[in-house]
C-alpha atoms as a PDB file:
ATOM      1  CA  MET A   1      96.235  66.479  94.329  1.00  0.00           C
ATOM      2  CA  ILE A   2      95.316  68.240  91.018  1.00  0.00           C
ATOM      3  CA  VAL A   3      91.532  68.314  90.292  1.00  0.00           C
ATOM      4  CA  LYS A   4      89.691  69.506  87.308  1.00  0.00           C
ATOM      5  CA  GLU A   5      86.003  70.352  87.791  1.00  0.00           C
ATOM      6  CA  SER A   6      83.298  72.826  87.068  1.00  0.00           C
ATOM      7  CA  ALA A   7      83.385  75.271  89.947  1.00  0.00           C
ATOM      8  CA  LYS A   8      80.493  77.495  91.225  1.00  0.00           C
ATOM      9  CA  ILE A   9      81.044  81.362  91.323  1.00  0.00           C
ATOM     10  CA  LEU A  10      80.190  82.462  94.796  1.00  0.00           C
ATOM     11  CA  SER A  11      80.659  86.183  93.981  1.00  0.00           C
ATOM     12  CA  GLN A  12      82.443  88.636  91.687  1.00  0.00           C
ATOM     13  CA  THR A  13      83.248  92.300  92.228  1.00  0.00           C
ATOM     14  CA  CYS A  14      85.246  95.015  90.614  1.00  0.00           C
ATOM     15  CA  LEU A  15      87.908  96.300  92.813  1.00  0.00           C
ATOM     16  CA  ALA A  16      89.532  98.893  90.556  1.00  0.00           C
ATOM     17  CA  GLU A  17      89.644  99.666  87.021  1.00  0.00           C
ATOM     18  CA  ASP A  18      90.192  96.361  85.118  1.00  0.00           C
ATOM     19  CA  ILE A  19      90.794  94.547  88.510  1.00  0.00           C
ATOM     20  CA  TYR A  20      88.372  91.899  89.467  1.00  0.00           C
ATOM     21  CA  SER A  21      87.868  89.610  92.504  1.00  0.00           C
ATOM     22  CA  ILE A  22      86.125  86.241  92.167  1.00  0.00           C
ATOM     23  CA  TRP A  23      85.402  83.658  94.768  1.00  0.00           C
ATOM     24  CA  LEU A  24      84.975  79.993  93.596  1.00  0.00           C
ATOM     25  CA  GLU A  25      83.592  77.034  95.391  1.00  0.00           C
ATOM     26  CA  THR A  26      85.777  74.233  94.452  1.00  0.00           C
ATOM     27  CA  GLU A  27      87.689  71.105  95.929  1.00  0.00           C
ATOM     28  CA  ILE A  28      90.845  72.989  95.208  1.00  0.00           C
ATOM     29  CA  GLY A  29      90.367  74.997  98.295  1.00  0.00           C
ATOM     30  CA  LYS A  30      90.988  71.795 100.449  1.00  0.00           C
ATOM     31  CA  THR A  31      94.665  71.525  99.452  1.00  0.00           C
ATOM     32  CA  ALA A  32      95.766  74.859  97.962  1.00  0.00           C
ATOM     33  CA  VAL A  33      98.680  76.765  99.567  1.00  0.00           C
ATOM     34  CA  PRO A  34      99.832  80.314  99.210  1.00  0.00           C
ATOM     35  CA  GLY A  35     101.920  80.782  95.874  1.00  0.00           C
ATOM     36  CA  GLN A  36     100.036  78.244  93.920  1.00  0.00           C
ATOM     37  CA  PHE A  37      97.618  79.084  91.019  1.00  0.00           C
ATOM     38  CA  VAL A  38      94.824  77.580  88.972  1.00  0.00           C
ATOM     39  CA  SER A  39      93.914  77.382  85.303  1.00  0.00           C
ATOM     40  CA  LEU A  40      90.514  78.751  84.191  1.00  0.00           C
ATOM     41  CA  TYR A  41      88.864  77.528  80.997  1.00  0.00           C
ATOM     42  CA  THR A  42      86.431  79.921  79.298  1.00  0.00           C
ATOM     43  CA  ARG A  43      83.342  78.814  77.578  1.00  0.00           C
ATOM     44  CA  ASP A  44      84.723  80.157  74.201  1.00  0.00           C
ATOM     45  CA  ARG A  45      86.101  77.054  72.707  1.00  0.00           C
ATOM     46  CA  SER A  46      88.064  79.118  70.284  1.00  0.00           C
ATOM     47  CA  LYS A  47      90.342  79.907  73.127  1.00  0.00           C
ATOM     48  CA  LEU A  48      91.927  76.588  73.694  1.00  0.00           C
ATOM     49  CA  LEU A  49      94.445  77.489  76.319  1.00  0.00           C
ATOM     50  CA  PRO A  50      93.351  78.268  79.959  1.00  0.00           C
ATOM     51  CA  ARG A  51      94.116  81.280  81.917  1.00  0.00           C
ATOM     52  CA  PRO A  52      96.491  80.795  84.746  1.00  0.00           C
ATOM     53  CA  ILE A  53      95.611  82.951  87.807  1.00  0.00           C
ATOM     54  CA  SER A  54      97.317  83.048  91.194  1.00  0.00           C
ATOM     55  CA  ILE A  55      95.398  82.200  94.309  1.00  0.00           C
ATOM     56  CA  CYS A  56      94.680  85.337  96.376  1.00  0.00           C
ATOM     57  CA  GLU A  57      92.873  83.714  99.349  1.00  0.00           C
ATOM     58  CA  ILE A  58      91.963  80.184 100.657  1.00  0.00           C
ATOM     59  CA  ARG A  59      89.119  79.128 102.935  1.00  0.00           C
ATOM     60  CA  LYS A  60      89.630  75.500 103.519  1.00  0.00           C
ATOM     61  CA  GLU A  61      86.635  75.069 105.673  1.00  0.00           C
ATOM     62  CA  GLU A  62      84.421  76.382 102.963  1.00  0.00           C
ATOM     63  CA  ASN A  63      86.190  74.610 100.062  1.00  0.00           C
ATOM     64  CA  ALA A  64      86.581  78.099  98.394  1.00  0.00           C
ATOM     65  CA  ILE A  65      89.404  80.222  96.847  1.00  0.00           C
ATOM     66  CA  ARG A  66      89.555  83.720  95.797  1.00  0.00           C
ATOM     67  CA  LEU A  67      91.140  84.865  92.594  1.00  0.00           C
ATOM     68  CA  VAL A  68      92.028  88.581  91.842  1.00  0.00           C
ATOM     69  CA  TYR A  69      93.010  89.238  88.204  1.00  0.00           C
ATOM     70  CA  ARG A  70      93.463  91.957  85.564  1.00  0.00           C
ATOM     71  CA  VAL A  71      91.227  92.173  82.387  1.00  0.00           C
ATOM     72  CA  THR A  72      93.946  92.499  79.707  1.00  0.00           C
ATOM     73  CA  GLY A  73      91.842  93.300  76.603  1.00  0.00           C
ATOM     74  CA  GLN A  74      88.378  93.363  74.950  1.00  0.00           C
ATOM     75  CA  ASP A  75      88.289  89.843  73.342  1.00  0.00           C
ATOM     76  CA  THR A  76      90.206  87.990  75.980  1.00  0.00           C
ATOM     77  CA  GLY A  77      89.662  85.201  78.378  1.00  0.00           C
ATOM     78  CA  THR A  78      89.852  87.470  81.357  1.00  0.00           C
ATOM     79  CA  LYS A  79      87.442  89.756  79.716  1.00  0.00           C
ATOM     80  CA  GLN A  80      84.819  86.862  79.403  1.00  0.00           C
ATOM     81  CA  LEU A  81      85.628  85.925  82.942  1.00  0.00           C
ATOM     82  CA  SER A  82      84.799  89.322  84.204  1.00  0.00           C
ATOM     83  CA  SER A  83      81.276  88.973  82.673  1.00  0.00           C
ATOM     84  CA  LEU A  84      80.273  85.973  84.872  1.00  0.00           C
ATOM     85  CA  ALA A  85      78.291  86.332  88.042  1.00  0.00           C
ATOM     86  CA  ALA A  86      77.288  84.611  91.268  1.00  0.00           C
ATOM     87  CA  SER A  87      75.899  80.913  90.570  1.00  0.00           C
ATOM     88  CA  ASP A  88      77.479  80.776  87.215  1.00  0.00           C
ATOM     89  CA  GLN A  89      79.784  77.796  86.604  1.00  0.00           C
ATOM     90  CA  ILE A  90      83.406  77.738  85.245  1.00  0.00           C
ATOM     91  CA  GLU A  91      85.931  74.975  84.509  1.00  0.00           C
ATOM     92  CA  VAL A  92      89.003  75.003  86.626  1.00  0.00           C
ATOM     93  CA  MET A  93      92.010  72.919  87.283  1.00  0.00           C
ATOM     94  CA  GLY A  94      94.480  73.126  90.212  1.00  0.00           C
ATOM     95  CA  PRO A  95      96.009  73.717  92.569  1.00  0.00           C
ATOM     96  CA  LEU A  96      99.066  73.960  90.368  1.00  0.00           C
ATOM     97  CA  GLY A  97     102.649  74.623  90.944  1.00  0.00           C
ATOM     98  CA  ASN A  98     104.574  74.893  94.083  1.00  0.00           C
ATOM     99  CA  GLY A  99     103.802  77.519  96.665  1.00  0.00           C
ATOM    100  CA  PHE A 100     105.969  79.687  98.976  1.00  0.00           C
ATOM    101  CA  ASP A 101     108.264  78.140 101.576  1.00  0.00           C
ATOM    102  CA  VAL A 102     106.075  79.218 104.596  1.00  0.00           C
ATOM    103  CA  LYS A 103     108.433  77.360 107.118  1.00  0.00           C
ATOM    104  CA  ALA A 104     111.385  79.377 105.993  1.00  0.00           C
ATOM    105  CA  GLY A 105     109.781  82.440 107.557  1.00  0.00           C
ATOM    106  CA  VAL A 106     108.530  81.056 110.857  1.00  0.00           C
ATOM    107  CA  GLN A 107     109.741  83.205 113.900  1.00  0.00           C
ATOM    108  CA  LYS A 108     111.591  85.629 111.684  1.00  0.00           C
ATOM    109  CA  LYS A 109     111.081  89.068 110.329  1.00  0.00           C
ATOM    110  CA  VAL A 110     109.788  88.645 106.792  1.00  0.00           C
ATOM    111  CA  LEU A 111     109.187  91.183 103.975  1.00  0.00           C
ATOM    112  CA  LEU A 112     106.530  90.479 101.397  1.00  0.00           C
ATOM    113  CA  ILE A 113     106.951  92.381  98.162  1.00  0.00           C
ATOM    114  CA  GLY A 114     104.348  92.568  95.466  1.00  0.00           C
ATOM    115  CA  GLY A 115     103.923  94.574  92.251  1.00  0.00           C
ATOM    116  CA  GLY A 116     100.919  95.159  90.086  1.00  0.00           C
ATOM    117  CA  ILE A 117      98.903  91.905  89.690  1.00  0.00           C
ATOM    118  CA  GLY A 118     101.731  90.175  91.892  1.00  0.00           C
ATOM    119  CA  ILE A 119     100.128  91.639  94.934  1.00  0.00           C
ATOM    120  CA  PRO A 120      97.063  89.227  95.170  1.00  0.00           C
ATOM    121  CA  PRO A 121      99.127  86.077  96.102  1.00  0.00           C
ATOM    122  CA  MET A 122     100.779  88.010  98.855  1.00  0.00           C
ATOM    123  CA  LEU A 123      97.357  88.262 100.804  1.00  0.00           C
ATOM    124  CA  ALA A 124      97.125  84.433 101.015  1.00  0.00           C
ATOM    125  CA  LEU A 125     100.748  84.420 102.229  1.00  0.00           C
ATOM    126  CA  ALA A 126     100.440  87.255 104.671  1.00  0.00           C
ATOM    127  CA  LYS A 127      97.480  85.674 106.250  1.00  0.00           C
ATOM    128  CA  GLU A 128      99.446  82.437 106.573  1.00  0.00           C
ATOM    129  CA  LEU A 129     102.519  83.994 108.117  1.00  0.00           C
ATOM    130  CA  SER A 130     100.753  86.590 110.333  1.00  0.00           C
ATOM    131  CA  GLU A 131     100.691  84.437 113.393  1.00  0.00           C
ATOM    132  CA  LYS A 132     104.060  82.728 112.751  1.00  0.00           C
ATOM    133  CA  ALA A 133     106.251  85.665 111.780  1.00  0.00           C
ATOM    134  CA  THR A 134     106.767  89.423 112.023  1.00  0.00           C
ATOM    135  CA  VAL A 135     105.323  90.530 108.746  1.00  0.00           C
ATOM    136  CA  GLU A 136     106.028  93.736 106.754  1.00  0.00           C
ATOM    137  CA  MET A 137     104.952  94.306 103.317  1.00  0.00           C
ATOM    138  CA  MET A 138     106.000  96.579 100.402  1.00  0.00           C
ATOM    139  CA  MET A 139     103.430  96.799  97.795  1.00  0.00           C
ATOM    140  CA  GLY A 140     103.902  98.665  94.387  1.00  0.00           C
ATOM    141  CA  TYR A 141     100.856 100.159  92.694  1.00  0.00           C
ATOM    142  CA  ARG A 142     100.167 102.210  89.655  1.00  0.00           C
ATOM    143  CA  ASN A 143      97.689 104.264  91.597  1.00  0.00           C
ATOM    144  CA  GLU A 144      94.453 102.417  92.765  1.00  0.00           C
ATOM    145  CA  LEU A 145      95.153 100.632  95.951  1.00  0.00           C
ATOM    146  CA  PHE A 146      93.388  97.303  95.636  1.00  0.00           C
ATOM    147  CA  LEU A 147      93.556  94.845  98.588  1.00  0.00           C
ATOM    148  CA  SER A 148      95.508  97.305 100.684  1.00  0.00           C
ATOM    149  CA  GLN A 149      92.841  97.400 103.411  1.00  0.00           C
ATOM    150  CA  GLU A 150      92.859  93.688 103.679  1.00  0.00           C
ATOM    151  CA  LEU A 151      96.698  93.387 103.627  1.00  0.00           C
ATOM    152  CA  LYS A 152      96.944  95.700 106.651  1.00  0.00           C
ATOM    153  CA  GLU A 153      95.165  93.119 108.709  1.00  0.00           C
ATOM    154  CA  TYR A 154      98.074  90.810 108.495  1.00  0.00           C
ATOM    155  CA  GLY A 155     101.180  93.164 109.098  1.00  0.00           C
ATOM    156  CA  ILE A 156     102.802  96.426 108.567  1.00  0.00           C
ATOM    157  CA  LEU A 157     101.955  97.600 105.110  1.00  0.00           C
ATOM    158  CA  HIS A 158     104.209 100.189 103.067  1.00  0.00           C
ATOM    159  CA  LEU A 159     103.119 101.294  99.710  1.00  0.00           C
ATOM    160  CA  THR A 160     104.617 102.876  96.741  1.00  0.00           C
ATOM    161  CA  THR A 161     102.872 104.473  93.709  1.00  0.00           C
ATOM    162  CA  ASP A 162     103.842 105.575  90.376  1.00  0.00           C
ATOM    163  CA  ASP A 163     102.530 109.040  90.704  1.00  0.00           C
ATOM    164  CA  GLY A 164     103.059 109.406  94.365  1.00  0.00           C
ATOM    165  CA  SER A 165      99.312 109.643  95.076  1.00  0.00           C
ATOM    166  CA  ALA A 166      99.828 107.251  98.133  1.00  0.00           C
ATOM    167  CA  GLY A 167     102.853 106.128 100.070  1.00  0.00           C
ATOM    168  CA  ILE A 168     106.358 106.595  98.519  1.00  0.00           C
ATOM    169  CA  LYS A 169     106.604 107.799  94.976  1.00  0.00           C
ATOM    170  CA  GLY A 170     108.569 105.236  92.784  1.00  0.00           C
ATOM    171  CA  HIS A 171     108.906 101.521  92.746  1.00  0.00           C
ATOM    172  CA  VAL A 172     109.206  98.889  95.567  1.00  0.00           C
ATOM    173  CA  LEU A 173     113.065  99.007  95.653  1.00  0.00           C
ATOM    174  CA  GLN A 174     113.087 102.756  96.205  1.00  0.00           C
ATOM    175  CA  GLY A 175     110.487 102.175  99.034  1.00  0.00           C
ATOM    176  CA  ILE A 176     112.669  99.577 100.645  1.00  0.00           C
ATOM    177  CA  GLU A 177     115.743 101.998 100.401  1.00  0.00           C
ATOM    178  CA  ALA A 178     113.834 104.878 101.730  1.00  0.00           C
ATOM    179  CA  LEU A 179     112.677 103.106 104.822  1.00  0.00           C
ATOM    180  CA  ASN A 180     115.864 101.065 105.206  1.00  0.00           C
ATOM    181  CA  LEU A 181     114.034  97.798 105.492  1.00  0.00           C
ATOM    182  CA  LEU A 182     116.282  94.740 106.298  1.00  0.00           C
ATOM    183  CA  PRO A 183     114.252  91.674 106.679  1.00  0.00           C
ATOM    184  CA  GLU A 184     115.517  88.024 107.363  1.00  0.00           C
ATOM    185  CA  VAL A 185     113.489  86.489 104.576  1.00  0.00           C
ATOM    186  CA  ILE A 186     112.050  87.913 101.458  1.00  0.00           C
ATOM    187  CA  TYR A 187     109.113  86.661  99.464  1.00  0.00           C
ATOM    188  CA  ALA A 188     108.164  88.587  96.053  1.00  0.00           C
ATOM    189  CA  CYS A 189     105.821  88.354  93.186  1.00  0.00           C
ATOM    190  CA  GLY A 190     105.538  90.788  90.324  1.00  0.00           C
ATOM    191  CA  PRO A 191     106.935  91.661  86.971  1.00  0.00           C
ATOM    192  CA  THR A 192     110.285  90.384  85.937  1.00  0.00           C
ATOM    193  CA  PRO A 193     112.254  93.833  86.114  1.00  0.00           C
ATOM    194  CA  MET A 194     110.996  94.205  89.808  1.00  0.00           C
ATOM    195  CA  LEU A 195     112.050  90.601  90.629  1.00  0.00           C
ATOM    196  CA  GLN A 196     115.468  91.053  89.020  1.00  0.00           C
ATOM    197  CA  GLY A 197     115.943  94.116  91.357  1.00  0.00           C
ATOM    198  CA  VAL A 198     114.750  92.173  94.476  1.00  0.00           C
ATOM    199  CA  LYS A 199     116.970  89.433  93.811  1.00  0.00           C
ATOM    200  CA  LYS A 200     119.916  91.761  93.360  1.00  0.00           C
ATOM    201  CA  PHE A 201     119.055  93.344  96.716  1.00  0.00           C
ATOM    202  CA  ALA A 202     118.625  90.120  98.509  1.00  0.00           C
ATOM    203  CA  LEU A 203     121.807  88.680  97.201  1.00  0.00           C
ATOM    204  CA  GLY A 204     123.741  91.810  98.137  1.00  0.00           C
ATOM    205  CA  LYS A 205     122.327  91.736 101.763  1.00  0.00           C
ATOM    206  CA  ASN A 206     122.806  87.892 102.039  1.00  0.00           C
ATOM    207  CA  ILE A 207     118.901  87.529 102.668  1.00  0.00           C
ATOM    208  CA  PRO A 208     116.996  84.303 101.604  1.00  0.00           C
ATOM    209  CA  CYS A 209     114.693  85.228  99.046  1.00  0.00           C
ATOM    210  CA  TYR A 210     111.735  83.401  97.259  1.00  0.00           C
ATOM    211  CA  LEU A 211     110.624  84.733  93.861  1.00  0.00           C
ATOM    212  CA  SER A 212     107.185  83.885  92.180  1.00  0.00           C
ATOM    213  CA  LEU A 213     107.777  84.234  88.547  1.00  0.00           C
ATOM    214  CA  GLU A 214     105.328  85.492  86.126  1.00  0.00           C
ATOM    215  CA  GLU A 215     105.269  83.929  82.678  1.00  0.00           C
ATOM    216  CA  LYS A 216     102.808  83.205  79.711  1.00  0.00           C
ATOM    217  CA  MET A 217     101.697  79.483  80.194  1.00  0.00           C
ATOM    218  CA  ALA A 218     100.024  76.882  77.862  1.00  0.00           C
ATOM    219  CA  CYS A 219      99.374  73.435  79.606  1.00  0.00           C
ATOM    220  CA  GLY A 220     100.082  74.662  83.214  1.00  0.00           C
ATOM    221  CA  ILE A 221     101.276  71.177  84.206  1.00  0.00           C
ATOM    222  CA  GLY A 222     104.767  71.141  82.800  1.00  0.00           C
ATOM    223  CA  ALA A 223     104.344  69.051  79.695  1.00  0.00           C
ATOM    224  CA  CYS A 224     104.830  71.564  76.969  1.00  0.00           C
ATOM    225  CA  LEU A 225     107.822  73.490  78.038  1.00  0.00           C
ATOM    226  CA  ALA A 226     106.270  76.807  76.960  1.00  0.00           C
ATOM    227  CA  CYS A 227     107.101  78.552  80.222  1.00  0.00           C
ATOM    228  CA  VAL A 228     110.769  78.043  81.303  1.00  0.00           C
ATOM    229  CA  CYS A 229     113.602  79.919  82.930  1.00  0.00           C
ATOM    230  CA  ARG A 230     117.326  79.473  83.106  1.00  0.00           C
ATOM    231  CA  SER A 231     118.282  77.430  86.145  1.00  0.00           C
ATOM    232  CA  LYS A 232     121.554  76.773  88.000  1.00  0.00           C
ATOM    233  CA  GLU A 233     121.088  72.992  87.612  1.00  0.00           C
ATOM    234  CA  VAL A 234     120.019  70.432  84.974  1.00  0.00           C
ATOM    235  CA  ASP A 235     116.369  69.784  84.891  1.00  0.00           C
ATOM    236  CA  GLU A 236     115.638  65.942  84.906  1.00  0.00           C
ATOM    237  CA  TYR A 237     112.732  66.576  82.574  1.00  0.00           C
ATOM    238  CA  SER A 238     114.229  68.732  79.912  1.00  0.00           C
ATOM    239  CA  GLN A 239     117.952  67.607  80.439  1.00  0.00           C
ATOM    240  CA  GLY A 240     118.815  71.294  80.183  1.00  0.00           C
ATOM    241  CA  TYR A 241     119.638  74.180  82.421  1.00  0.00           C
ATOM    242  CA  THR A 242     116.008  75.165  82.638  1.00  0.00           C
ATOM    243  CA  LYS A 243     113.121  74.891  85.051  1.00  0.00           C
ATOM    244  CA  ARG A 244     109.367  74.718  84.232  1.00  0.00           C
ATOM    245  CA  ILE A 245     107.733  77.741  85.862  1.00  0.00           C
ATOM    246  CA  CYS A 246     104.351  76.071  85.975  1.00  0.00           C
ATOM    247  CA  LYS A 247     105.517  72.797  87.285  1.00  0.00           C
ATOM    248  CA  ASP A 248     108.821  73.369  89.137  1.00  0.00           C
ATOM    249  CA  GLY A 249     107.678  76.870  90.198  1.00  0.00           C
ATOM    250  CA  PRO A 250     106.192  79.471  90.104  1.00  0.00           C
ATOM    251  CA  VAL A 251     108.014  80.030  93.314  1.00  0.00           C
ATOM    252  CA  PHE A 252     111.861  79.436  93.321  1.00  0.00           C
ATOM    253  CA  LEU A 253     114.633  80.361  95.784  1.00  0.00           C
ATOM    254  CA  ALA A 254     116.288  83.278  94.070  1.00  0.00           C
ATOM    255  CA  THR A 255     119.612  81.412  93.831  1.00  0.00           C
ATOM    256  CA  GLU A 256     118.086  78.542  91.958  1.00  0.00           C
ATOM    257  CA  VAL A 257     117.204  80.601  88.804  1.00  0.00           C
ATOM    258  CA  GLU A 258     118.602  83.267  86.445  1.00  0.00           C
ATOM    259  CA  ILE A 259     116.040  86.033  85.580  1.00  0.00           C
END
């Protein structure tokens, strides 16, 4: 059930340059699952559209969710969000979209792949799968390793960095190739070029693969058709070969969509 409410900020910290972690006390925490996202509304009414942010952690018993996001500019909604502190309030709507198919990975060897700001939702998924599957992770960073220590608690963590300062130098596909990783199920979130490479790898190895797509969103509930991707089948809502990333996704089976 989607709720829209004023949520209390429990804490906010800076994890790395322009990367922030915020905990919210909200009813959304009761029903959210890994892979879903929320829309945050800033106090600046000149910015009409909410900011979609993936859910990084869920604490159902505390009605709390964690979001980890990147500040993208000086006069942006994320910049305003980064200025808020504990006890402040923010309007939030969620949980939105469809999450990862956790059941597909039960009792299997799974590989979680994250790149950049696609890394945060992998933490909630790793935590969910840690007692149900054999979890390995391949996370791609520019340089600063935000969330890496927390990810290590839930499986075997491999790293790639652009500059080679940690882990394997290069991108995640180069890391997978270097370590000859061959999982039974793949879950991935990150920029489109990375997901294209992951999809190609998974299809070539005949591995079931779930992709969480990144896209600019407007309404966040599937009404405006601003965030669509090409699909293999006709969508009942649009009557075209498209899927709404915010409503039908953001997680899709790799064979469902064209990217």
